[in-house]
């Protein structure tokens, strides 16, 4: 049994800042944090803990562990930290309006390519770390085609995404903010 992991860094980070805001008492609940745009500004992802929590510590069981995000300024070391934690980092440039582009489609393209080239349907697990409904069609198709697809995200992930995956892993209780 092997794992293939695909992480949407921006989605995890932005929603993690909201979850942390609730934990820190800045918002009563996640609905208030979302509705009032309340974030815990100094929140940081511990890439080592994330990697071990999602992919496990036995490297022989990890076929692929990818982290997707926007290209940071050259002075930023965030992706080096992620690489040292065991992630294969894929970055894309932001567009002229400084908006993140190509990340979700890059995740889907890699998930599908790997599903049909290196995944053993009978024993491997594909894990998506993202929570938005944009991933529903791709997760649904993979599950309908016999792949085991887990979604790991904060508890307020898209209801529909939780329903179409093989298993939903709520990060709130197990992955410390």
Protein backbone atom coordinates (compact mmCIF):
# COMPACT_ATOMS: atom_id res chain seq x y z
CA UNK A 1 0.00 0.00 0.00
CA UNK A 2 1.44 3.34 -1.06
CA UNK A 3 0.34 6.93 -0.71
CA UNK A 4 0.21 9.67 -3.30
CA UNK A 5 -0.37 13.10 -1.73
CA UNK A 6 -1.30 16.40 -3.41
CA UNK A 7 -1.44 19.58 -1.29
CA UNK A 8 -2.97 22.93 -2.27
CA UNK A 9 -0.74 25.12 -0.10
CA UNK A 10 -2.69 28.38 -0.49
CA UNK A 11 -6.02 26.76 0.33
CA UNK A 12 -4.54 25.00 3.37
CA UNK A 13 -2.78 28.17 4.56
CA UNK A 14 -5.68 30.61 4.15
CA UNK A 15 -8.20 28.31 5.80
CA UNK A 16 -5.65 27.38 8.49
CA UNK A 17 -5.42 31.07 9.39
CA UNK A 18 -9.20 31.06 9.91
CA UNK A 19 -9.14 27.89 12.01
CA UNK A 20 -6.33 29.33 14.13
CA UNK A 21 -8.33 32.56 14.57
CA UNK A 22 -11.15 30.53 16.11
CA UNK A 23 -8.71 28.61 18.35
CA UNK A 24 -7.16 31.92 19.46
CA UNK A 25 -10.57 33.39 20.34
CA UNK A 26 -10.58 36.01 17.58
CA UNK A 27 -13.81 34.52 16.19
CA UNK A 28 -16.55 32.53 17.92
CA UNK A 29 -16.68 29.91 15.15
CA UNK A 30 -15.50 29.25 11.62
CA UNK A 31 -18.61 30.84 10.13
CA UNK A 32 -17.80 34.12 11.85
CA UNK A 33 -14.15 33.89 10.77
CA UNK A 34 -15.20 33.38 7.15
CA UNK A 35 -18.03 35.92 7.15
CA UNK A 36 -16.01 38.67 8.82
CA UNK A 37 -12.68 37.82 7.16
CA UNK A 38 -10.97 37.13 10.46
CA UNK A 39 -7.51 35.56 10.18
CA UNK A 40 -4.75 34.71 12.63
CA UNK A 41 -2.06 36.62 10.77
CA UNK A 42 1.01 34.91 12.24
CA UNK A 43 -0.21 31.38 11.45
CA UNK A 44 2.44 29.17 9.83
CA UNK A 45 2.20 25.66 8.45
CA UNK A 46 4.58 23.17 10.04
CA UNK A 47 5.47 21.27 6.88
CA UNK A 48 7.20 18.47 8.77
CA UNK A 49 4.14 17.75 10.91
CA UNK A 50 1.87 18.04 7.87
CA UNK A 51 4.00 15.60 5.88
CA UNK A 52 4.13 13.04 8.69
CA UNK A 53 0.41 13.40 9.50
CA UNK A 54 -0.75 13.00 5.90
CA UNK A 55 1.92 10.80 4.28
CA UNK A 56 3.31 9.00 7.31
CA UNK A 57 6.93 8.57 8.30
CA UNK A 58 7.73 5.38 6.37
CA UNK A 59 9.25 6.74 3.16
CA UNK A 60 8.91 3.34 1.48
CA UNK A 61 5.12 3.80 1.54
CA UNK A 62 5.17 7.21 -0.18
CA UNK A 63 5.07 7.11 -3.98
CA UNK A 64 4.57 10.84 -4.35
CA UNK A 65 4.07 13.81 -2.03
CA UNK A 66 3.54 17.09 -3.88
CA UNK A 67 2.94 20.62 -2.61
CA UNK A 68 1.57 23.20 -5.05
CA UNK A 69 1.69 26.97 -4.70
CA UNK A 70 2.66 30.33 -6.14
CA UNK A 71 6.26 31.26 -6.71
CA UNK A 72 7.39 33.35 -3.71
CA UNK A 73 9.87 36.23 -3.79
CA UNK A 74 13.46 35.01 -4.20
CA UNK A 75 14.25 35.92 -0.58
CA UNK A 76 11.47 33.68 0.77
CA UNK A 77 12.63 30.27 2.04
CA UNK A 78 9.18 28.70 2.55
CA UNK A 79 9.53 26.19 -0.28
CA UNK A 80 12.98 25.10 0.90
CA UNK A 81 11.44 24.27 4.27
CA UNK A 82 8.74 22.23 2.53
CA UNK A 83 11.33 20.38 0.42
CA UNK A 84 13.35 19.48 3.52
CA UNK A 85 10.15 18.11 5.07
CA UNK A 86 9.82 15.70 2.14
CA UNK A 87 7.56 17.49 -0.33
CA UNK A 88 8.12 17.75 -4.07
CA UNK A 89 7.33 21.46 -4.57
CA UNK A 90 5.58 22.68 -7.72
CA UNK A 91 5.24 26.45 -8.15
CA UNK A 92 3.57 28.67 -10.71
CA UNK A 93 3.96 32.39 -11.30
CA UNK A 94 1.09 34.69 -10.37
CA UNK A 95 -0.66 36.51 -13.20
CA UNK A 96 -0.31 40.23 -13.99
CA UNK A 97 -3.04 41.04 -11.44
CA UNK A 98 -0.99 39.11 -8.79
CA UNK A 99 -3.63 36.36 -8.61
CA UNK A 100 -2.73 32.72 -8.16
CA UNK A 101 -3.35 30.75 -11.34
CA UNK A 102 -2.81 27.19 -12.61
CA UNK A 103 -2.56 25.64 -9.13
CA UNK A 104 -5.83 23.67 -8.99
CA UNK A 105 -5.51 22.50 -12.59
CA UNK A 106 -1.89 21.48 -11.97
CA UNK A 107 -2.98 19.41 -8.97
CA UNK A 108 -5.73 17.72 -10.99
CA UNK A 109 -3.40 17.08 -13.95
CA UNK A 110 -0.79 15.45 -11.70
CA UNK A 111 -3.39 13.42 -9.76
CA UNK A 112 -4.85 12.03 -12.98
CA UNK A 113 -1.48 11.39 -14.61
CA UNK A 114 -0.26 9.54 -11.52
CA UNK A 115 -3.56 7.69 -11.06
CA UNK A 116 -3.29 6.17 -14.50
CA UNK A 117 0.48 5.64 -14.62
CA UNK A 118 1.86 4.77 -11.17
CA UNK A 119 -1.12 4.01 -8.90
CA UNK A 120 -2.19 0.50 -7.96
CA UNK A 121 -5.99 0.78 -7.65
CA UNK A 122 -6.17 -2.27 -5.43
CA UNK A 123 -3.89 -0.96 -2.70
CA UNK A 124 -2.74 2.66 -3.15
CA UNK A 125 -4.38 5.75 -1.69
CA UNK A 126 -4.56 9.15 -3.34
CA UNK A 127 -4.82 11.94 -0.75
CA UNK A 128 -5.88 15.45 -1.68
CA UNK A 129 -5.20 18.18 0.88
CA UNK A 130 -7.65 20.85 -0.23
CA UNK A 131 -11.16 21.81 0.69
CA UNK A 132 -12.82 23.70 -2.12
CA UNK A 133 -15.56 22.38 -4.38
CA UNK A 134 -13.48 22.93 -7.53
CA UNK A 135 -12.00 19.49 -6.89
CA UNK A 136 -15.38 17.69 -6.73
CA UNK A 137 -15.51 16.59 -10.41
CA UNK A 138 -11.98 15.17 -10.43
CA UNK A 139 -12.37 13.37 -7.09
CA UNK A 140 -15.76 11.99 -8.16
CA UNK A 141 -14.33 10.64 -11.45
CA UNK A 142 -11.36 8.99 -9.74
CA UNK A 143 -13.60 7.33 -7.12
CA UNK A 144 -16.07 6.20 -9.81
CA UNK A 145 -13.13 4.63 -11.64
CA UNK A 146 -12.14 2.57 -8.62
CA UNK A 147 -9.43 4.69 -7.00
CA UNK A 148 -9.29 5.20 -3.24
CA UNK A 149 -9.29 9.00 -2.82
CA UNK A 150 -9.06 10.58 0.60
CA UNK A 151 -9.55 14.28 1.22
CA UNK A 152 -7.75 15.74 4.23
CA UNK A 153 -8.70 19.26 5.22
CA UNK A 154 -10.09 21.48 7.93
CA UNK A 155 -13.59 20.49 9.05
CA UNK A 156 -15.28 23.26 7.08
CA UNK A 157 -14.24 21.80 3.71
CA UNK A 158 -16.85 21.73 0.96
CA UNK A 159 -19.74 19.46 1.96
CA UNK A 160 -19.91 18.05 -1.56
CA UNK A 161 -16.17 17.29 -1.62
CA UNK A 162 -16.54 15.39 1.67
CA UNK A 163 -19.38 13.37 0.15
CA UNK A 164 -17.68 12.32 -3.11
CA UNK A 165 -14.35 11.17 -1.67
CA UNK A 166 -13.70 7.67 -0.34
CA UNK A 167 -12.80 9.06 3.10
CA UNK A 168 -12.64 12.52 4.67
CA UNK A 169 -9.90 13.26 7.22
CA UNK A 170 -10.68 16.25 9.43
CA UNK A 171 -7.43 18.06 10.19
CA UNK A 172 -8.91 20.11 13.04
CA UNK A 173 -8.39 17.61 15.87
CA UNK A 174 -5.22 15.86 14.72
CA UNK A 175 -3.06 18.45 13.03
CA UNK A 176 -2.10 21.19 15.46
CA UNK A 177 -2.63 24.73 14.29
